[in-house]
């Protein structure tokens, strides 16, 4: 898988968000400009989870790892 800045990463069964966290850590080590950093935090990741507990754990886990925030679009949807 070639993970590049300014590209969307989607996971239809994201669970606690481990794929997103690993991708975020990989991309965060790249030499990103301000717009790429904003895109990485708010627009790169889209996930879906049907299990209520994993949905909540996934959102919390991603927020704790600086992916998205409480006032923006939820990275994970139910």
PDB file of N, CA and C in Angstrom:
ATOM      1  N   UNK A   1       0.836  -1.176   0.000  1.00  0.00           N
ATOM      2  CA  UNK A   1       0.000   0.000   0.000  1.00  0.00           C
ATOM      3  C   UNK A   1       0.881   1.239   0.000  1.00  0.00           C
ATOM      4  N   UNK A   2       0.681   2.133  -0.902  1.00  0.00           N
ATOM      5  CA  UNK A   2       1.446   3.372  -0.940  1.00  0.00           C
ATOM      6  C   UNK A   2       0.641   4.467  -0.243  1.00  0.00           C
ATOM      7  N   UNK A   3       1.072   4.833   0.948  1.00  0.00           N
ATOM      8  CA  UNK A   3       0.392   5.889   1.700  1.00  0.00           C
ATOM      9  C   UNK A   3       1.090   7.202   1.399  1.00  0.00           C
ATOM     10  N   UNK A   4       0.313   8.168   0.873  1.00  0.00           N
ATOM     11  CA  UNK A   4       0.869   9.463   0.502  1.00  0.00           C
ATOM     12  C   UNK A   4       0.042  10.577   1.126  1.00  0.00           C
ATOM     13  N   UNK A   5       0.672  11.727   1.386  1.00  0.00           N
ATOM     14  CA  UNK A   5      -0.078  12.880   1.905  1.00  0.00           C
ATOM     15  C   UNK A   5      -1.157  13.328   0.916  1.00  0.00           C
ATOM     16  N   UNK A   6      -2.219  13.921   1.450  1.00  0.00           N
ATOM     17  CA  UNK A   6      -3.315  14.492   0.678  1.00  0.00           C
ATOM     18  C   UNK A   6      -4.144  13.426  -0.043  1.00  0.00           C
ATOM     19  N   UNK A   7      -4.115  12.195   0.433  1.00  0.00           N
ATOM     20  CA  UNK A   7      -4.946  11.119  -0.097  1.00  0.00           C
ATOM     21  C   UNK A   7      -5.850  10.625   1.026  1.00  0.00           C
ATOM     22  N   UNK A   8      -7.024  10.126   0.676  1.00  0.00           N
ATOM     23  CA  UNK A   8      -7.985   9.638   1.661  1.00  0.00           C
ATOM     24  C   UNK A   8      -7.741   8.161   1.939  1.00  0.00           C
ATOM     25  N   UNK A   9      -7.847   7.790   3.220  1.00  0.00           N
ATOM     26  CA  UNK A   9      -7.734   6.402   3.650  1.00  0.00           C
ATOM     27  C   UNK A   9      -9.067   6.029   4.295  1.00  0.00           C
ATOM     28  N   UNK A  10      -9.707   4.992   3.778  1.00  0.00           N
ATOM     29  CA  UNK A  10     -11.008   4.562   4.306  1.00  0.00           C
ATOM     30  C   UNK A  10     -10.895   3.135   4.836  1.00  0.00           C
ATOM     31  N   UNK A  11     -11.620   2.869   5.916  1.00  0.00           N
ATOM     32  CA  UNK A  11     -11.657   1.537   6.508  1.00  0.00           C
ATOM     33  C   UNK A  11     -13.108   1.241   6.898  1.00  0.00           C
ATOM     34  N   UNK A  12     -13.764   0.301   6.192  1.00  0.00           N
ATOM     35  CA  UNK A  12     -15.176   0.043   6.476  1.00  0.00           C
ATOM     36  C   UNK A  12     -15.440  -0.681   7.786  1.00  0.00           C
ATOM     37  N   UNK A  13     -14.431  -1.294   8.372  1.00  0.00           N
ATOM     38  CA  UNK A  13     -14.569  -1.980   9.656  1.00  0.00           C
ATOM     39  C   UNK A  13     -13.402  -1.563  10.543  1.00  0.00           C
ATOM     40  N   UNK A  14     -13.391  -0.301  10.964  1.00  0.00           N
ATOM     41  CA  UNK A  14     -12.188   0.269  11.567  1.00  0.00           C
ATOM     42  C   UNK A  14     -11.944  -0.125  13.023  1.00  0.00           C
ATOM     43  N   UNK A  15     -12.952  -0.617  13.720  1.00  0.00           N
ATOM     44  CA  UNK A  15     -12.744  -1.032  15.107  1.00  0.00           C
ATOM     45  C   UNK A  15     -12.135   0.084  15.929  1.00  0.00           C
ATOM     46  N   UNK A  16     -11.047  -0.195  16.660  1.00  0.00           N
ATOM     47  CA  UNK A  16     -10.437   0.844  17.486  1.00  0.00           C
ATOM     48  C   UNK A  16      -9.540   1.816  16.714  1.00  0.00           C
ATOM     49  N   UNK A  17      -9.436   1.680  15.392  1.00  0.00           N
ATOM     50  CA  UNK A  17      -8.707   2.646  14.581  1.00  0.00           C
ATOM     51  C   UNK A  17      -7.222   2.398  14.436  1.00  0.00           C
ATOM     52  N   UNK A  18      -6.775   1.194  14.635  1.00  0.00           N
ATOM     53  CA  UNK A  18      -5.344   0.896  14.575  1.00  0.00           C
ATOM     54  C   UNK A  18      -4.726   1.225  13.211  1.00  0.00           C
ATOM     55  N   UNK A  19      -5.418   0.894  12.128  1.00  0.00           N
ATOM     56  CA  UNK A  19      -4.907   1.215  10.790  1.00  0.00           C
ATOM     57  C   UNK A  19      -4.709   2.715  10.634  1.00  0.00           C
ATOM     58  N   UNK A  20      -5.676   3.495  11.088  1.00  0.00           N
ATOM     59  CA  UNK A  20      -5.584   4.944  10.983  1.00  0.00           C
ATOM     60  C   UNK A  20      -4.418   5.487  11.800  1.00  0.00           C
ATOM     61  N   UNK A  21      -4.232   4.969  12.986  1.00  0.00           N
ATOM     62  CA  UNK A  21      -3.146   5.447  13.857  1.00  0.00           C
ATOM     63  C   UNK A  21      -1.785   5.136  13.243  1.00  0.00           C
ATOM     64  N   UNK A  22      -1.628   3.938  12.703  1.00  0.00           N
ATOM     65  CA  UNK A  22      -0.353   3.580  12.069  1.00  0.00           C
ATOM     66  C   UNK A  22      -0.099   4.427  10.826  1.00  0.00           C
ATOM     67  N   UNK A  23      -1.137   4.645  10.026  1.00  0.00           N
ATOM     68  CA  UNK A  23      -0.987   5.487   8.836  1.00  0.00           C
ATOM     69  C   UNK A  23      -0.669   6.926   9.233  1.00  0.00           C
ATOM     70  N   UNK A  24      -1.343   7.414  10.270  1.00  0.00           N
ATOM     71  CA  UNK A  24      -1.087   8.778  10.750  1.00  0.00           C
ATOM     72  C   UNK A  24       0.365   8.911  11.217  1.00  0.00           C
ATOM     73  N   UNK A  25       0.840   7.956  12.004  1.00  0.00           N
ATOM     74  CA  UNK A  25       2.222   8.006  12.495  1.00  0.00           C
ATOM     75  C   UNK A  25       3.222   7.987  11.343  1.00  0.00           C
ATOM     76  N   UNK A  26       2.958   7.180  10.335  1.00  0.00           N
ATOM     77  CA  UNK A  26       3.835   7.117   9.166  1.00  0.00           C
ATOM     78  C   UNK A  26       3.854   8.457   8.428  1.00  0.00           C
ATOM     79  N   UNK A  27       2.667   9.011   8.164  1.00  0.00           N
ATOM     80  CA  UNK A  27       2.589  10.270   7.423  1.00  0.00           C
ATOM     81  C   UNK A  27       3.112  11.453   8.230  1.00  0.00           C
ATOM     82  N   UNK A  28       2.919  11.434   9.544  1.00  0.00           N
ATOM     83  CA  UNK A  28       3.375  12.539  10.388  1.00  0.00           C
ATOM     84  C   UNK A  28       4.900  12.658  10.382  1.00  0.00           C
ATOM     85  N   UNK A  29       5.596  11.580  10.084  1.00  0.00           N
ATOM     86  CA  UNK A  29       7.063  11.604  10.027  1.00  0.00           C
ATOM     87  C   UNK A  29       7.581  12.213   8.722  1.00  0.00           C
ATOM     88  N   UNK A  30       6.695  12.365   7.733  1.00  0.00           N
ATOM     89  CA  UNK A  30       7.080  12.962   6.454  1.00  0.00           C
ATOM     90  C   UNK A  30       7.244  14.473   6.621  1.00  0.00           C
ATOM     91  N   UNK A  31       7.903  15.092   5.682  1.00  0.00           N
ATOM     92  CA  UNK A  31       8.083  16.538   5.701  1.00  0.00           C
ATOM     93  C   UNK A  31       6.847  17.195   5.087  1.00  0.00           C
ATOM     94  N   UNK A  32       5.830  17.480   5.918  1.00  0.00           N
ATOM     95  CA  UNK A  32       4.558  18.010   5.437  1.00  0.00           C
ATOM     96  C   UNK A  32       4.482  19.521   5.625  1.00  0.00           C
ATOM     97  N   UNK A  33       3.827  20.192   4.684  1.00  0.00           N
ATOM     98  CA  UNK A  33       3.579  21.624   4.858  1.00  0.00           C
ATOM     99  C   UNK A  33       2.309  21.807   5.706  1.00  0.00           C
ATOM    100  N   UNK A  34       1.932  23.037   5.966  1.00  0.00           N
ATOM    101  CA  UNK A  34       0.801  23.326   6.859  1.00  0.00           C
ATOM    102  C   UNK A  34      -0.503  22.755   6.319  1.00  0.00           C
ATOM    103  N   UNK A  35      -0.767  22.923   5.031  1.00  0.00           N
ATOM    104  CA  UNK A  35      -2.008  22.404   4.445  1.00  0.00           C
ATOM    105  C   UNK A  35      -2.056  20.877   4.512  1.00  0.00           C
ATOM    106  N   UNK A  36      -0.940  20.221   4.256  1.00  0.00           N
ATOM    107  CA  UNK A  36      -0.897  18.759   4.342  1.00  0.00           C
ATOM    108  C   UNK A  36      -1.130  18.274   5.771  1.00  0.00           C
ATOM    109  N   UNK A  37      -0.609  19.000   6.756  1.00  0.00           N
ATOM    110  CA  UNK A  37      -0.841  18.639   8.165  1.00  0.00           C
ATOM    111  C   UNK A  37      -2.309  18.798   8.533  1.00  0.00           C
ATOM    112  N   UNK A  38      -2.947  19.876   8.055  1.00  0.00           N
ATOM    113  CA  UNK A  38      -4.373  20.074   8.320  1.00  0.00           C
ATOM    114  C   UNK A  38      -5.197  18.972   7.667  1.00  0.00           C
ATOM    115  N   UNK A  39      -4.874  18.649   6.419  1.00  0.00           N
ATOM    116  CA  UNK A  39      -5.583  17.587   5.705  1.00  0.00           C
ATOM    117  C   UNK A  39      -5.398  16.258   6.429  1.00  0.00           C
ATOM    118  N   UNK A  40      -4.193  15.975   6.892  1.00  0.00           N
ATOM    119  CA  UNK A  40      -3.905  14.735   7.612  1.00  0.00           C
ATOM    120  C   UNK A  40      -4.766  14.616   8.863  1.00  0.00           C
ATOM    121  N   UNK A  41      -4.870  15.677   9.617  1.00  0.00           N
ATOM    122  CA  UNK A  41      -5.623  15.632  10.879  1.00  0.00           C
ATOM    123  C   UNK A  41      -7.131  15.549  10.677  1.00  0.00           C
ATOM    124  N   UNK A  42      -7.674  16.281   9.705  1.00  0.00           N
ATOM    125  CA  UNK A  42      -9.125  16.421   9.595  1.00  0.00           C
ATOM    126  C   UNK A  42      -9.783  15.698   8.418  1.00  0.00           C
ATOM    127  N   UNK A  43      -9.066  15.404   7.347  1.00  0.00           N
ATOM    128  CA  UNK A  43      -9.733  14.918   6.144  1.00  0.00           C
ATOM    129  C   UNK A  43      -9.194  13.617   5.566  1.00  0.00           C
ATOM    130  N   UNK A  44      -8.115  13.099   6.083  1.00  0.00           N
ATOM    131  CA  UNK A  44      -7.503  11.903   5.508  1.00  0.00           C
ATOM    132  C   UNK A  44      -8.294  10.641   5.801  1.00  0.00           C
ATOM    133  N   UNK A  45      -8.864  10.526   6.987  1.00  0.00           N
ATOM    134  CA  UNK A  45      -9.417   9.256   7.436  1.00  0.00           C
ATOM    135  C   UNK A  45     -10.941   9.239   7.460  1.00  0.00           C
ATOM    136  N   UNK A  46     -11.499   8.145   6.931  1.00  0.00           N
ATOM    137  CA  UNK A  46     -12.934   7.883   6.973  1.00  0.00           C
ATOM    138  C   UNK A  46     -13.118   6.437   7.408  1.00  0.00           C
ATOM    139  N   UNK A  47     -13.878   6.240   8.471  1.00  0.00           N
ATOM    140  CA  UNK A  47     -14.101   4.881   8.952  1.00  0.00           C
ATOM    141  C   UNK A  47     -15.536   4.652   9.352  1.00  0.00           C
ATOM    142  N   UNK A  48     -15.917   3.402   9.370  1.00  0.00           N
ATOM    143  CA  UNK A  48     -17.261   3.003   9.776  1.00  0.00           C
ATOM    144  C   UNK A  48     -17.140   1.836  10.741  1.00  0.00           C
ATOM    145  N   UNK A  49     -17.993   1.826  11.748  1.00  0.00           N
ATOM    146  CA  UNK A  49     -18.037   0.733  12.710  1.00  0.00           C
ATOM    147  C   UNK A  49     -19.470   0.540  13.161  1.00  0.00           C
ATOM    148  N   UNK A  50     -19.937  -0.695  13.195  1.00  0.00           N
ATOM    149  CA  UNK A  50     -21.321  -0.972  13.589  1.00  0.00           C
ATOM    150  C   UNK A  50     -21.453  -1.335  15.061  1.00  0.00           C
ATOM    151  N   UNK A  51     -20.398  -1.833  15.673  1.00  0.00           N
ATOM    152  CA  UNK A  51     -20.437  -2.196  17.084  1.00  0.00           C
ATOM    153  C   UNK A  51     -20.306  -0.929  17.921  1.00  0.00           C
ATOM    154  N   UNK A  52     -21.270  -0.686  18.794  1.00  0.00           N
ATOM    155  CA  UNK A  52     -21.314   0.556  19.569  1.00  0.00           C
ATOM    156  C   UNK A  52     -20.051   0.734  20.413  1.00  0.00           C
ATOM    157  N   UNK A  53     -19.628  -0.291  21.122  1.00  0.00           N
ATOM    158  CA  UNK A  53     -18.456  -0.162  21.984  1.00  0.00           C
ATOM    159  C   UNK A  53     -17.189   0.138  21.175  1.00  0.00           C
ATOM    160  N   UNK A  54     -16.992  -0.575  20.074  1.00  0.00           N
ATOM    161  CA  UNK A  54     -15.809  -0.308  19.244  1.00  0.00           C
ATOM    162  C   UNK A  54     -15.876   1.065  18.595  1.00  0.00           C
ATOM    163  N   UNK A  55     -17.072   1.508  18.258  1.00  0.00           N
ATOM    164  CA  UNK A  55     -17.253   2.858  17.707  1.00  0.00           C
ATOM    165  C   UNK A  55     -16.754   3.905  18.705  1.00  0.00           C
ATOM    166  N   UNK A  56     -17.187   3.800  19.936  1.00  0.00           N
ATOM    167  CA  UNK A  56     -16.783   4.763  20.972  1.00  0.00           C
ATOM    168  C   UNK A  56     -15.293   4.665  21.267  1.00  0.00           C
ATOM    169  N   UNK A  57     -14.786   3.466  21.376  1.00  0.00           N
ATOM    170  CA  UNK A  57     -13.350   3.274  21.636  1.00  0.00           C
ATOM    171  C   UNK A  57     -12.536   3.833  20.475  1.00  0.00           C
ATOM    172  N   UNK A  58     -12.990   3.585  19.247  1.00  0.00           N
ATOM    173  CA  UNK A  58     -12.279   4.093  18.072  1.00  0.00           C
ATOM    174  C   UNK A  58     -12.208   5.604  18.047  1.00  0.00           C
ATOM    175  N   UNK A  59     -13.339   6.274  18.299  1.00  0.00           N
ATOM    176  CA  UNK A  59     -13.329   7.740  18.329  1.00  0.00           C
ATOM    177  C   UNK A  59     -12.379   8.275  19.398  1.00  0.00           C
ATOM    178  N   UNK A  60     -12.464   7.719  20.597  1.00  0.00           N
ATOM    179  CA  UNK A  60     -11.606   8.175  21.689  1.00  0.00           C
ATOM    180  C   UNK A  60     -10.136   7.935  21.353  1.00  0.00           C
ATOM    181  N   UNK A  61      -9.837   6.748  20.833  1.00  0.00           N
ATOM    182  CA  UNK A  61      -8.468   6.396  20.503  1.00  0.00           C
ATOM    183  C   UNK A  61      -7.891   7.338  19.445  1.00  0.00           C
ATOM    184  N   UNK A  62      -8.687   7.661  18.429  1.00  0.00           N
ATOM    185  CA  UNK A  62      -8.211   8.559  17.379  1.00  0.00           C
ATOM    186  C   UNK A  62      -8.010   9.978  17.909  1.00  0.00           C
ATOM    187  N   UNK A  63      -8.923  10.453  18.734  1.00  0.00           N
ATOM    188  CA  UNK A  63      -8.747  11.791  19.325  1.00  0.00           C
ATOM    189  C   UNK A  63      -7.500  11.848  20.185  1.00  0.00           C
ATOM    190  N   UNK A  64      -7.246  10.786  20.947  1.00  0.00           N
ATOM    191  CA  UNK A  64      -6.051  10.753  21.794  1.00  0.00           C
ATOM    192  C   UNK A  64      -4.762  10.735  20.975  1.00  0.00           C
ATOM    193  N   UNK A  65      -4.849  10.273  19.736  1.00  0.00           N
ATOM    194  CA  UNK A  65      -3.677  10.251  18.858  1.00  0.00           C
ATOM    195  C   UNK A  65      -3.664  11.429  17.882  1.00  0.00           C
ATOM    196  N   UNK A  66      -4.437  12.482  18.188  1.00  0.00           N
ATOM    197  CA  UNK A  66      -4.428  13.737  17.426  1.00  0.00           C
ATOM    198  C   UNK A  66      -5.022  13.604  16.026  1.00  0.00           C
ATOM    199  N   UNK A  67      -5.953  12.680  15.855  1.00  0.00           N
ATOM    200  CA  UNK A  67      -6.645  12.535  14.578  1.00  0.00           C
ATOM    201  C   UNK A  67      -8.050  13.091  14.757  1.00  0.00           C
ATOM    202  N   UNK A  68      -8.372  14.153  14.035  1.00  0.00           N
ATOM    203  CA  UNK A  68      -9.657  14.815  14.205  1.00  0.00           C
ATOM    204  C   UNK A  68      -9.724  15.533  15.540  1.00  0.00           C
ATOM    205  N   UNK A  69     -10.889  16.046  15.869  1.00  0.00           N
ATOM    206  CA  UNK A  69     -11.118  16.609  17.199  1.00  0.00           C
ATOM    207  C   UNK A  69     -12.615  16.606  17.484  1.00  0.00           C
ATOM    208  N   UNK A  70     -12.957  16.963  18.661  1.00  0.00           N
ATOM    209  CA  UNK A  70     -14.355  16.882  19.120  1.00  0.00           C
ATOM    210  C   UNK A  70     -15.275  17.830  18.372  1.00  0.00           C
ATOM    211  N   UNK A  71     -14.738  18.909  17.805  1.00  0.00           N
ATOM    212  CA  UNK A  71     -15.558  19.923  17.122  1.00  0.00           C
ATOM    213  C   UNK A  71     -15.617  19.767  15.618  1.00  0.00           C
ATOM    214  N   UNK A  72     -14.942  18.764  15.067  1.00  0.00           N
ATOM    215  CA  UNK A  72     -14.943  18.577  13.608  1.00  0.00           C
ATOM    216  C   UNK A  72     -15.762  17.335  13.235  1.00  0.00           C
ATOM    217  N   UNK A  73     -15.788  17.044  11.963  1.00  0.00           N
ATOM    218  CA  UNK A  73     -16.480  15.844  11.474  1.00  0.00           C
ATOM    219  C   UNK A  73     -15.895  14.630  12.149  1.00  0.00           C
ATOM    220  N   UNK A  74     -16.751  13.715  12.569  1.00  0.00           N
ATOM    221  CA  UNK A  74     -16.275  12.485  13.213  1.00  0.00           C
ATOM    222  C   UNK A  74     -15.539  11.632  12.186  1.00  0.00           C
ATOM    223  N   UNK A  75     -14.372  11.135  12.551  1.00  0.00           N
ATOM    224  CA  UNK A  75     -13.573  10.306  11.672  1.00  0.00           C
ATOM    225  C   UNK A  75     -14.274   8.959  11.459  1.00  0.00           C
ATOM    226  N   UNK A  76     -14.928   8.464  12.499  1.00  0.00           N
ATOM    227  CA  UNK A  76     -15.634   7.186  12.446  1.00  0.00           C
ATOM    228  C   UNK A  76     -17.138   7.454  12.524  1.00  0.00           C
ATOM    229  N   UNK A  77     -17.873   6.776  11.672  1.00  0.00           N
ATOM    230  CA  UNK A  77     -19.341   6.904  11.684  1.00  0.00           C
ATOM    231  C   UNK A  77     -19.948   5.562  12.033  1.00  0.00           C
ATOM    232  N   UNK A  78     -21.181   5.611  12.486  1.00  0.00           N
ATOM    233  CA  UNK A  78     -21.924   4.405  12.834  1.00  0.00           C
ATOM    234  C   UNK A  78     -23.074   4.216  11.901  1.00  0.00           C
TER     235      UNK A  78
END
